[in-house]
Amino acid sequence: MSDETTQTDAAQPVVAAPTATPLLPEPRASEKSSLNTILVVIIVILGGLIVANGVTKYFPGFGASAPVAVLDSDLVSAAGIHDLLQRAPSMTPEAVEAESKKRAEALQHTLADLRQRGYIVIDRTAALSWPAAADITEQTATNLAIPPAALQAVRDRRAEQQRLARTGNAAWPPTSSAPAEKTISGSNLD
């Protein structure tokens, strides 16, 4: 019975599966390579434009950063101390302490405001180079009620220190001409 089935199946013609006709004719081999070359060139050109114009222009979330502000905290602190020392003789110790605390709170408020507006604030000593527009030292001193004369006095003292360091006479602050105290082995325990 199995021989009969095999013979009957062999006698029937095999029908080929219907083939789909393409919508467009198949391009020749030379046209395929030209098309691939054109696609590669377009991809390379677009990639070059993205790199040349900056990735952030086309992908705004990529490499986004906050604006940076530079603060010379040493200058602001020294100028604030200079101003308080100049005014201290006419103030009570409690008033000097209150003024110092008020300035410290004002500095914290200024920094918190800048942080809230999206700024990163770095100290001048941590920055290698920055545009003048990024320097917030003057505005911060104004916010802390530090007079410009105190800032200028500290800047002048810094310039003098730098000049003395360049000339090799780095004795700063200037020593007094009073005779040295009597010391025993480097200490004044007498």
N, C-alpha and C. Protein backbone atom coordinates (compact mmCIF):
# COMPACT_ATOMS: atom_id res chain seq x y z
N MET A 1 0.80 -1.16 0.00
CA MET A 1 0.00 0.00 0.00
C MET A 1 0.86 1.24 0.00
N SER A 2 1.94 1.15 0.67
CA SER A 2 2.82 2.29 0.67
C SER A 2 3.46 2.48 -0.70
N ASP A 3 3.68 1.37 -1.45
CA ASP A 3 4.24 1.52 -2.78
C ASP A 3 3.25 2.19 -3.72
N GLU A 4 1.99 1.88 -3.54
CA GLU A 4 0.98 2.49 -4.40
C GLU A 4 0.87 3.98 -4.11
N THR A 5 0.95 4.38 -2.88
CA THR A 5 0.82 5.78 -2.52
C THR A 5 1.99 6.57 -3.07
N THR A 6 3.17 6.00 -2.99
CA THR A 6 4.34 6.68 -3.49
C THR A 6 4.25 6.84 -4.99
N GLN A 7 3.78 5.80 -5.66
CA GLN A 7 3.68 5.90 -7.11
C GLN A 7 2.62 6.91 -7.50
N THR A 8 1.54 7.01 -6.80
CA THR A 8 0.49 7.94 -7.14
C THR A 8 0.95 9.36 -6.87
N ASP A 9 1.67 9.56 -5.78
CA ASP A 9 2.16 10.92 -5.48
C ASP A 9 3.19 11.35 -6.51
N ALA A 10 3.98 10.42 -6.99
CA ALA A 10 5.00 10.75 -7.97
C ALA A 10 4.38 11.08 -9.30
N ALA A 11 3.23 10.57 -9.58
CA ALA A 11 2.60 10.81 -10.86
C ALA A 11 1.97 12.19 -10.93
N GLN A 12 1.68 12.80 -9.80
CA GLN A 12 1.04 14.12 -9.81
C GLN A 12 2.11 15.20 -10.04
N PRO A 13 1.79 16.18 -10.87
CA PRO A 13 2.78 17.23 -11.13
C PRO A 13 2.94 18.14 -9.90
N VAL A 14 4.15 18.64 -9.71
CA VAL A 14 4.44 19.56 -8.60
C VAL A 14 4.07 20.96 -9.05
N VAL A 15 3.27 21.66 -8.23
CA VAL A 15 2.83 23.02 -8.55
C VAL A 15 3.75 23.99 -7.80
N ALA A 16 4.30 24.93 -8.51
CA ALA A 16 5.19 25.92 -7.90
C ALA A 16 4.36 26.94 -7.13
N ALA A 17 4.93 27.44 -6.02
CA ALA A 17 4.26 28.45 -5.22
C ALA A 17 4.21 29.74 -6.02
N PRO A 18 3.11 30.48 -5.87
CA PRO A 18 3.01 31.73 -6.63
C PRO A 18 4.07 32.71 -6.14
N THR A 19 4.69 33.44 -7.02
CA THR A 19 5.71 34.42 -6.66
C THR A 19 5.09 35.81 -6.75
N ALA A 20 5.53 36.69 -5.82
CA ALA A 20 5.03 38.05 -5.82
C ALA A 20 5.79 38.85 -6.86
N THR A 21 5.09 39.64 -7.58
CA THR A 21 5.76 40.48 -8.55
C THR A 21 6.20 41.75 -7.85
N PRO A 22 7.45 42.17 -8.01
CA PRO A 22 7.93 43.37 -7.33
C PRO A 22 7.24 44.62 -7.87
N LEU A 23 7.06 45.61 -6.97
CA LEU A 23 6.46 46.86 -7.39
C LEU A 23 7.39 47.64 -8.31
N LEU A 24 8.67 47.58 -7.96
CA LEU A 24 9.68 48.24 -8.78
C LEU A 24 10.60 47.16 -9.32
N PRO A 25 11.12 47.37 -10.50
CA PRO A 25 12.04 46.37 -11.02
C PRO A 25 13.32 46.34 -10.19
N GLU A 26 13.92 45.18 -10.07
CA GLU A 26 15.17 45.00 -9.31
C GLU A 26 16.29 45.77 -10.00
N PRO A 27 17.01 46.66 -9.25
CA PRO A 27 18.10 47.40 -9.88
C PRO A 27 19.25 46.48 -10.24
N ARG A 28 20.00 46.90 -11.24
CA ARG A 28 21.17 46.12 -11.64
C ARG A 28 22.23 46.23 -10.56
N ALA A 29 23.20 45.38 -10.60
CA ALA A 29 24.27 45.34 -9.58
C ALA A 29 25.02 46.66 -9.54
N SER A 30 25.29 47.29 -10.66
CA SER A 30 26.04 48.56 -10.68
C SER A 30 25.21 49.67 -10.05
N GLU A 31 23.89 49.62 -10.20
CA GLU A 31 23.03 50.62 -9.59
C GLU A 31 22.97 50.44 -8.08
N LYS A 32 23.01 49.19 -7.60
CA LYS A 32 22.99 48.91 -6.16
C LYS A 32 24.22 49.51 -5.48
N SER A 33 25.38 49.32 -6.06
CA SER A 33 26.60 49.86 -5.44
C SER A 33 26.59 51.38 -5.47
N SER A 34 26.04 51.99 -6.52
CA SER A 34 25.95 53.45 -6.58
C SER A 34 25.01 53.96 -5.49
N LEU A 35 23.90 53.29 -5.29
CA LEU A 35 22.95 53.68 -4.27
C LEU A 35 23.57 53.57 -2.88
N ASN A 36 24.27 52.48 -2.63
CA ASN A 36 24.94 52.30 -1.34
C ASN A 36 25.99 53.39 -1.12
N THR A 37 26.73 53.73 -2.15
CA THR A 37 27.74 54.77 -2.04
C THR A 37 27.09 56.11 -1.70
N ILE A 38 26.01 56.42 -2.36
CA ILE A 38 25.31 57.69 -2.10
C ILE A 38 24.81 57.73 -0.65
N LEU A 39 24.24 56.64 -0.16
CA LEU A 39 23.76 56.60 1.22
C LEU A 39 24.90 56.78 2.21
N VAL A 40 26.03 56.15 1.97
CA VAL A 40 27.19 56.29 2.86
C VAL A 40 27.67 57.73 2.86
N VAL A 41 27.74 58.36 1.69
CA VAL A 41 28.19 59.76 1.60
C VAL A 41 27.23 60.66 2.36
N ILE A 42 25.93 60.45 2.23
CA ILE A 42 24.95 61.28 2.95
C ILE A 42 25.12 61.11 4.46
N ILE A 43 25.30 59.88 4.91
CA ILE A 43 25.48 59.63 6.35
C ILE A 43 26.75 60.30 6.86
N VAL A 44 27.82 60.22 6.11
CA VAL A 44 29.08 60.85 6.52
C VAL A 44 28.92 62.36 6.57
N ILE A 45 28.26 62.95 5.59
CA ILE A 45 28.07 64.41 5.58
C ILE A 45 27.21 64.85 6.76
N LEU A 46 26.12 64.15 7.00
CA LEU A 46 25.28 64.51 8.14
C LEU A 46 26.02 64.33 9.46
N GLY A 47 26.80 63.29 9.60
CA GLY A 47 27.60 63.10 10.81
C GLY A 47 28.61 64.22 10.99
N GLY A 48 29.24 64.62 9.90
CA GLY A 48 30.19 65.74 9.98
C GLY A 48 29.52 67.03 10.37
N LEU A 49 28.31 67.29 9.86
CA LEU A 49 27.59 68.50 10.24
C LEU A 49 27.22 68.50 11.71
N ILE A 50 26.83 67.35 12.20
CA ILE A 50 26.48 67.27 13.62
C ILE A 50 27.69 67.57 14.48
N VAL A 51 28.82 67.00 14.14
CA VAL A 51 30.03 67.24 14.92
C VAL A 51 30.51 68.68 14.76
N ALA A 52 30.48 69.20 13.53
CA ALA A 52 30.96 70.55 13.27
C ALA A 52 30.10 71.60 13.96
N ASN A 53 28.82 71.42 13.99
CA ASN A 53 27.92 72.41 14.59
C ASN A 53 27.67 72.14 16.06
N GLY A 54 28.25 71.14 16.56
CA GLY A 54 28.08 70.83 17.97
C GLY A 54 26.94 69.88 18.18
N VAL A 55 27.19 68.91 18.97
CA VAL A 55 26.18 67.90 19.25
C VAL A 55 24.99 68.52 19.97
N THR A 56 25.24 69.53 20.80
CA THR A 56 24.16 70.09 21.60
C THR A 56 23.13 70.83 20.75
N LYS A 57 23.50 71.28 19.55
CA LYS A 57 22.53 71.96 18.69
C LYS A 57 21.44 70.99 18.24
N TYR A 58 21.81 69.76 17.94
CA TYR A 58 20.86 68.78 17.46
C TYR A 58 20.31 67.88 18.55
N PHE A 59 21.04 67.76 19.65
CA PHE A 59 20.61 66.96 20.79
C PHE A 59 20.70 67.83 22.03
N PRO A 60 19.68 68.67 22.29
CA PRO A 60 19.78 69.67 23.35
C PRO A 60 20.08 69.11 24.74
N GLY A 61 19.66 67.91 25.05
CA GLY A 61 19.92 67.36 26.38
C GLY A 61 21.32 66.85 26.54
N PHE A 62 22.04 66.66 25.44
CA PHE A 62 23.38 66.08 25.50
C PHE A 62 24.39 67.17 25.81
N GLY A 63 25.13 67.02 26.88
CA GLY A 63 26.19 67.97 27.23
C GLY A 63 25.68 69.29 27.77
N ALA A 64 24.43 69.37 28.17
CA ALA A 64 23.89 70.61 28.70
C ALA A 64 24.61 70.93 30.01
N SER A 65 24.90 72.21 30.21
CA SER A 65 25.57 72.60 31.43
C SER A 65 24.98 73.90 31.94
N ALA A 66 25.22 74.17 33.19
CA ALA A 66 24.74 75.39 33.82
C ALA A 66 25.77 76.50 33.63
N PRO A 67 25.33 77.76 33.66
CA PRO A 67 26.30 78.85 33.58
C PRO A 67 27.18 78.87 34.83
N VAL A 68 28.39 79.35 34.67
CA VAL A 68 29.36 79.37 35.75
C VAL A 68 29.65 80.81 36.15
N ALA A 69 29.68 81.05 37.46
CA ALA A 69 30.04 82.35 38.00
C ALA A 69 31.31 82.17 38.84
N VAL A 70 32.22 83.14 38.75
CA VAL A 70 33.49 83.07 39.46
C VAL A 70 33.49 84.12 40.56
N LEU A 71 33.83 83.71 41.78
CA LEU A 71 33.85 84.60 42.94
C LEU A 71 35.24 84.56 43.58
N ASP A 72 35.81 85.72 43.80
CA ASP A 72 37.07 85.82 44.53
C ASP A 72 36.71 85.93 46.01
N SER A 73 36.50 84.79 46.63
CA SER A 73 36.04 84.78 48.03
C SER A 73 37.10 85.32 48.98
N ASP A 74 38.38 85.12 48.66
CA ASP A 74 39.44 85.67 49.51
C ASP A 74 39.38 87.20 49.52
N LEU A 75 39.17 87.79 48.34
CA LEU A 75 39.09 89.25 48.25
C LEU A 75 37.88 89.77 49.01
N VAL A 76 36.73 89.13 48.83
CA VAL A 76 35.52 89.57 49.52
C VAL A 76 35.69 89.44 51.03
N SER A 77 36.23 88.32 51.48
CA SER A 77 36.44 88.13 52.92
C SER A 77 37.42 89.14 53.49
N ALA A 78 38.56 89.31 52.82
CA ALA A 78 39.57 90.25 53.30
C ALA A 78 39.04 91.68 53.29
N ALA A 79 38.29 92.05 52.26
CA ALA A 79 37.73 93.41 52.19
C ALA A 79 36.68 93.60 53.28
N GLY A 80 35.88 92.56 53.56
CA GLY A 80 34.90 92.67 54.64
C GLY A 80 35.58 92.84 55.99
N ILE A 81 36.64 92.09 56.22
CA ILE A 81 37.39 92.22 57.48
C ILE A 81 38.05 93.59 57.55
N HIS A 82 38.63 94.04 56.44
CA HIS A 82 39.26 95.36 56.40
C HIS A 82 38.24 96.44 56.75
N ASP A 83 37.05 96.36 56.17
CA ASP A 83 36.01 97.35 56.44
C ASP A 83 35.59 97.32 57.91
N LEU A 84 35.40 96.11 58.46
CA LEU A 84 35.01 96.02 59.87
C LEU A 84 36.11 96.54 60.79
N LEU A 85 37.37 96.28 60.46
CA LEU A 85 38.47 96.79 61.30
C LEU A 85 38.55 98.31 61.24
N GLN A 86 38.24 98.89 60.08
CA GLN A 86 38.25 100.35 59.96
C GLN A 86 37.12 100.97 60.78
N ARG A 87 35.98 100.30 60.84
CA ARG A 87 34.83 100.83 61.56
C ARG A 87 34.77 100.38 63.01
N ALA A 88 35.55 99.38 63.40
CA ALA A 88 35.48 98.79 64.74
C ALA A 88 35.66 99.79 65.88
N PRO A 89 36.57 100.76 65.79
CA PRO A 89 36.72 101.68 66.93
C PRO A 89 35.43 102.42 67.29
N SER A 90 34.56 102.64 66.32
CA SER A 90 33.32 103.35 66.62
C SER A 90 32.15 102.41 66.90
N MET A 91 32.43 101.11 66.95
CA MET A 91 31.37 100.12 67.17
C MET A 91 31.63 99.33 68.44
N THR A 92 30.58 98.79 69.00
CA THR A 92 30.74 97.90 70.16
C THR A 92 31.14 96.51 69.64
N PRO A 93 31.75 95.70 70.48
CA PRO A 93 32.11 94.34 70.04
C PRO A 93 30.88 93.54 69.57
N GLU A 94 29.74 93.75 70.23
CA GLU A 94 28.52 93.06 69.82
C GLU A 94 28.07 93.50 68.42
N ALA A 95 28.23 94.80 68.13
CA ALA A 95 27.84 95.32 66.82
C ALA A 95 28.76 94.77 65.73
N VAL A 96 30.06 94.65 66.04
CA VAL A 96 31.01 94.08 65.07
C VAL A 96 30.64 92.63 64.79
N GLU A 97 30.33 91.88 65.86
CA GLU A 97 29.94 90.48 65.69
C GLU A 97 28.64 90.36 64.90
N ALA A 98 27.67 91.22 65.21
CA ALA A 98 26.39 91.19 64.50
C ALA A 98 26.58 91.52 63.02
N GLU A 99 27.42 92.50 62.73
CA GLU A 99 27.69 92.87 61.34
C GLU A 99 28.38 91.73 60.60
N SER A 100 29.29 91.05 61.27
CA SER A 100 29.98 89.91 60.66
C SER A 100 29.00 88.78 60.34
N LYS A 101 28.11 88.47 61.29
CA LYS A 101 27.10 87.43 61.06
C LYS A 101 26.14 87.84 59.95
N LYS A 102 25.78 89.11 59.91
CA LYS A 102 24.87 89.61 58.88
C LYS A 102 25.48 89.44 57.49
N ARG A 103 26.78 89.72 57.37
CA ARG A 103 27.45 89.56 56.08
C ARG A 103 27.56 88.09 55.70
N ALA A 104 27.83 87.23 56.67
CA ALA A 104 27.91 85.79 56.37
C ALA A 104 26.57 85.27 55.88
N GLU A 105 25.48 85.71 56.52
CA GLU A 105 24.15 85.30 56.08
C GLU A 105 23.83 85.86 54.69
N ALA A 106 24.24 87.10 54.44
CA ALA A 106 24.00 87.71 53.12
C ALA A 106 24.77 86.95 52.04
N LEU A 107 25.97 86.51 52.36
CA LEU A 107 26.75 85.72 51.39
C LEU A 107 26.05 84.39 51.10
N GLN A 108 25.58 83.73 52.14
CA GLN A 108 24.86 82.47 51.94
C GLN A 108 23.58 82.69 51.12
N HIS A 109 22.89 83.79 51.37
CA HIS A 109 21.68 84.11 50.61
C HIS A 109 22.02 84.38 49.14
N THR A 110 23.09 85.10 48.89
CA THR A 110 23.52 85.39 47.51
C THR A 110 23.87 84.10 46.77
N LEU A 111 24.61 83.22 47.43
CA LEU A 111 24.98 81.95 46.81
C LEU A 111 23.75 81.06 46.57
N ALA A 112 22.81 81.06 47.51
CA ALA A 112 21.58 80.27 47.35
C ALA A 112 20.75 80.82 46.19
N ASP A 113 20.72 82.15 46.05
CA ASP A 113 19.98 82.77 44.94
C ASP A 113 20.60 82.38 43.60
N LEU A 114 21.91 82.43 43.52
CA LEU A 114 22.58 82.04 42.28
C LEU A 114 22.34 80.56 41.96
N ARG A 115 22.40 79.72 42.97
CA ARG A 115 22.14 78.29 42.78
C ARG A 115 20.70 78.08 42.30
N GLN A 116 19.76 78.82 42.88
CA GLN A 116 18.36 78.71 42.49
C GLN A 116 18.15 79.13 41.03
N ARG A 117 18.93 80.09 40.57
CA ARG A 117 18.83 80.54 39.18
C ARG A 117 19.62 79.66 38.22
N GLY A 118 20.25 78.60 38.73
CA GLY A 118 20.92 77.64 37.87
C GLY A 118 22.40 77.85 37.67
N TYR A 119 23.03 78.72 38.46
CA TYR A 119 24.46 78.99 38.32
C TYR A 119 25.29 78.01 39.15
N ILE A 120 26.46 77.72 38.64
CA ILE A 120 27.49 77.03 39.40
C ILE A 120 28.48 78.10 39.81
N VAL A 121 28.74 78.25 41.10
CA VAL A 121 29.66 79.28 41.59
C VAL A 121 30.95 78.59 42.02
N ILE A 122 32.06 79.03 41.43
CA ILE A 122 33.36 78.48 41.81
C ILE A 122 34.26 79.60 42.30
N ASP A 123 35.22 79.23 43.13
CA ASP A 123 36.16 80.21 43.66
C ASP A 123 37.20 80.55 42.61
N ARG A 124 37.69 81.76 42.67
CA ARG A 124 38.69 82.25 41.71
C ARG A 124 39.93 81.36 41.70
N THR A 125 40.30 80.81 42.84
CA THR A 125 41.51 79.99 42.91
C THR A 125 41.33 78.66 42.20
N ALA A 126 40.08 78.24 41.96
CA ALA A 126 39.82 76.98 41.28
C ALA A 126 39.67 77.15 39.77
N ALA A 127 39.59 78.38 39.30
CA ALA A 127 39.39 78.64 37.87
C ALA A 127 40.71 79.00 37.22
N LEU A 128 40.95 78.46 36.04
CA LEU A 128 42.17 78.79 35.31
C LEU A 128 41.98 80.01 34.44
N SER A 129 40.80 80.14 33.85
CA SER A 129 40.52 81.25 32.96
C SER A 129 39.01 81.44 32.91
N TRP A 130 38.56 82.69 32.80
CA TRP A 130 37.13 82.97 32.74
C TRP A 130 36.92 84.34 32.10
N PRO A 131 35.77 84.53 31.49
CA PRO A 131 35.47 85.85 30.93
C PRO A 131 35.11 86.82 32.04
N ALA A 132 35.32 88.09 31.81
CA ALA A 132 35.04 89.11 32.83
C ALA A 132 33.57 89.10 33.24
N ALA A 133 32.69 88.76 32.30
CA ALA A 133 31.26 88.75 32.61
C ALA A 133 30.91 87.68 33.64
N ALA A 134 31.74 86.67 33.81
CA ALA A 134 31.45 85.60 34.77
C ALA A 134 31.89 85.96 36.18
N ASP A 135 32.67 87.03 36.35
CA ASP A 135 33.19 87.43 37.66
C ASP A 135 32.09 88.17 38.43
N ILE A 136 31.70 87.60 39.58
CA ILE A 136 30.64 88.21 40.39
C ILE A 136 31.18 88.81 41.68
N THR A 137 32.47 89.04 41.75
CA THR A 137 33.08 89.54 42.99
C THR A 137 32.55 90.91 43.36
N GLU A 138 32.51 91.83 42.41
CA GLU A 138 32.05 93.20 42.69
C GLU A 138 30.59 93.21 43.13
N GLN A 139 29.74 92.46 42.42
CA GLN A 139 28.32 92.42 42.77
C GLN A 139 28.11 91.80 44.15
N THR A 140 28.89 90.77 44.45
CA THR A 140 28.78 90.12 45.75
C THR A 140 29.20 91.08 46.86
N ALA A 141 30.28 91.82 46.64
CA ALA A 141 30.73 92.79 47.64
C ALA A 141 29.66 93.86 47.85
N THR A 142 29.02 94.29 46.78
CA THR A 142 27.95 95.27 46.89
C THR A 142 26.78 94.69 47.69
N ASN A 143 26.42 93.45 47.41
CA ASN A 143 25.33 92.79 48.15
C ASN A 143 25.65 92.67 49.63
N LEU A 144 26.93 92.55 49.96
CA LEU A 144 27.35 92.40 51.36
C LEU A 144 27.65 93.74 52.03
N ALA A 145 27.38 94.84 51.33
CA ALA A 145 27.61 96.20 51.84
C ALA A 145 29.08 96.45 52.16
N ILE A 146 29.96 95.90 51.34
CA ILE A 146 31.39 96.14 51.48
C ILE A 146 31.73 97.30 50.54
N PRO A 147 32.28 98.39 51.07
CA PRO A 147 32.56 99.54 50.21
C PRO A 147 33.68 99.26 49.20
N PRO A 148 33.59 99.88 48.03
CA PRO A 148 34.63 99.69 47.02
C PRO A 148 36.03 100.06 47.52
N ALA A 149 36.12 101.02 48.44
CA ALA A 149 37.43 101.42 48.98
C ALA A 149 38.09 100.25 49.71
N ALA A 150 37.30 99.43 50.40
CA ALA A 150 37.87 98.27 51.10
C ALA A 150 38.39 97.25 50.10
N LEU A 151 37.64 97.02 49.01
CA LEU A 151 38.12 96.11 47.96
C LEU A 151 39.43 96.62 47.36
N GLN A 152 39.48 97.92 47.09
CA GLN A 152 40.68 98.48 46.48
C GLN A 152 41.87 98.41 47.43
N ALA A 153 41.64 98.60 48.72
CA ALA A 153 42.74 98.52 49.70
C ALA A 153 43.32 97.10 49.71
N VAL A 154 42.47 96.08 49.64
CA VAL A 154 42.95 94.70 49.64
C VAL A 154 43.67 94.41 48.32
N ARG A 155 43.14 94.89 47.21
CA ARG A 155 43.82 94.70 45.91
C ARG A 155 45.20 95.35 45.92
N ASP A 156 45.30 96.55 46.49
CA ASP A 156 46.60 97.23 46.57
C ASP A 156 47.58 96.44 47.42
N ARG A 157 47.08 95.89 48.53
CA ARG A 157 47.95 95.08 49.41
C ARG A 157 48.42 93.82 48.68
N ARG A 158 47.53 93.20 47.91
CA ARG A 158 47.93 92.03 47.12
C ARG A 158 48.99 92.39 46.08
N ALA A 159 48.79 93.51 45.41
CA ALA A 159 49.76 93.93 44.39
C ALA A 159 51.12 94.18 45.03
N GLU A 160 51.13 94.77 46.20
CA GLU A 160 52.39 95.01 46.91
C GLU A 160 53.05 93.69 47.31
N GLN A 161 52.27 92.74 47.76
CA GLN A 161 52.81 91.43 48.12
C GLN A 161 53.41 90.74 46.90
N GLN A 162 52.74 90.82 45.78
CA GLN A 162 53.25 90.21 44.56
C GLN A 162 54.53 90.91 44.09
N ARG A 163 54.57 92.23 44.20
CA ARG A 163 55.77 92.97 43.82
C ARG A 163 56.95 92.57 44.70
N LEU A 164 56.71 92.46 46.00
CA LEU A 164 57.78 92.07 46.91
C LEU A 164 58.24 90.63 46.64
N ALA A 165 57.32 89.77 46.30
CA ALA A 165 57.69 88.38 46.00
C ALA A 165 58.53 88.31 44.73
N ARG A 166 58.22 89.14 43.74
CA ARG A 166 59.00 89.14 42.49
C ARG A 166 60.40 89.71 42.70
N THR A 167 60.52 90.68 43.56
CA THR A 167 61.83 91.30 43.77
C THR A 167 62.68 90.51 44.75
N GLY A 168 62.13 89.48 45.36
CA GLY A 168 62.91 88.66 46.28
C GLY A 168 62.83 89.15 47.71
N ASN A 169 62.15 90.24 47.96
CA ASN A 169 61.99 90.76 49.31
C ASN A 169 60.58 90.43 49.76
N ALA A 170 60.37 89.18 50.09
CA ALA A 170 59.03 88.72 50.42
C ALA A 170 58.72 88.84 51.91
N ALA A 171 59.36 89.75 52.59
CA ALA A 171 59.08 89.94 54.01
C ALA A 171 57.77 90.70 54.14
N TRP A 172 56.71 89.96 54.32
CA TRP A 172 55.41 90.58 54.48
C TRP A 172 54.66 89.86 55.57
N PRO A 173 54.04 90.50 56.48
CA PRO A 173 53.94 91.94 56.64
C PRO A 173 55.26 92.53 57.13
N PRO A 174 55.42 93.82 56.95
CA PRO A 174 56.69 94.44 57.36
C PRO A 174 56.94 94.21 58.84
N THR A 175 58.19 93.90 59.17
CA THR A 175 58.52 93.67 60.57
C THR A 175 58.79 95.00 61.24
N SER A 176 58.52 95.06 62.53
CA SER A 176 58.75 96.30 63.26
C SER A 176 60.24 96.41 63.60
N SER A 177 60.64 97.62 63.93
CA SER A 177 62.05 97.83 64.28
C SER A 177 62.27 97.69 65.78
N ALA A 178 61.26 97.26 66.52
CA ALA A 178 61.40 97.08 67.97
C ALA A 178 62.33 95.90 68.24
N PRO A 179 63.09 95.95 69.37
CA PRO A 179 63.98 94.84 69.68
C PRO A 179 63.19 93.55 69.94
N ALA A 180 63.78 92.44 69.57
CA ALA A 180 63.13 91.16 69.76
C ALA A 180 63.01 90.83 71.23
N GLU A 181 61.94 90.09 71.57
CA GLU A 181 61.75 89.69 72.96
C GLU A 181 62.79 88.64 73.34
N LYS A 182 63.08 88.59 74.61
CA LYS A 182 64.02 87.59 75.12
C LYS A 182 63.35 86.22 75.01
N THR A 183 64.02 85.29 74.35
CA THR A 183 63.44 83.98 74.15
C THR A 183 64.39 82.91 74.62
N ILE A 184 63.84 81.77 75.01
CA ILE A 184 64.62 80.60 75.39
C ILE A 184 64.25 79.50 74.42
N SER A 185 65.22 79.05 73.65
CA SER A 185 65.03 77.97 72.68
C SER A 185 63.84 78.23 71.76
N GLY A 186 63.68 79.46 71.30
CA GLY A 186 62.65 79.78 70.35
C GLY A 186 61.28 80.04 70.95
N SER A 187 61.15 80.04 72.26
CA SER A 187 59.85 80.34 72.86
C SER A 187 60.02 81.47 73.84
N ASN A 188 58.96 82.20 74.09
CA ASN A 188 59.04 83.29 75.04
C ASN A 188 58.29 82.92 76.31
N LEU A 189 58.82 81.94 77.01
CA LEU A 189 58.20 81.43 78.23
C LEU A 189 58.68 82.11 79.48
N ASP A 190 59.61 83.07 79.37
CA ASP A 190 60.11 83.75 80.57
C ASP A 190 59.01 84.48 81.30
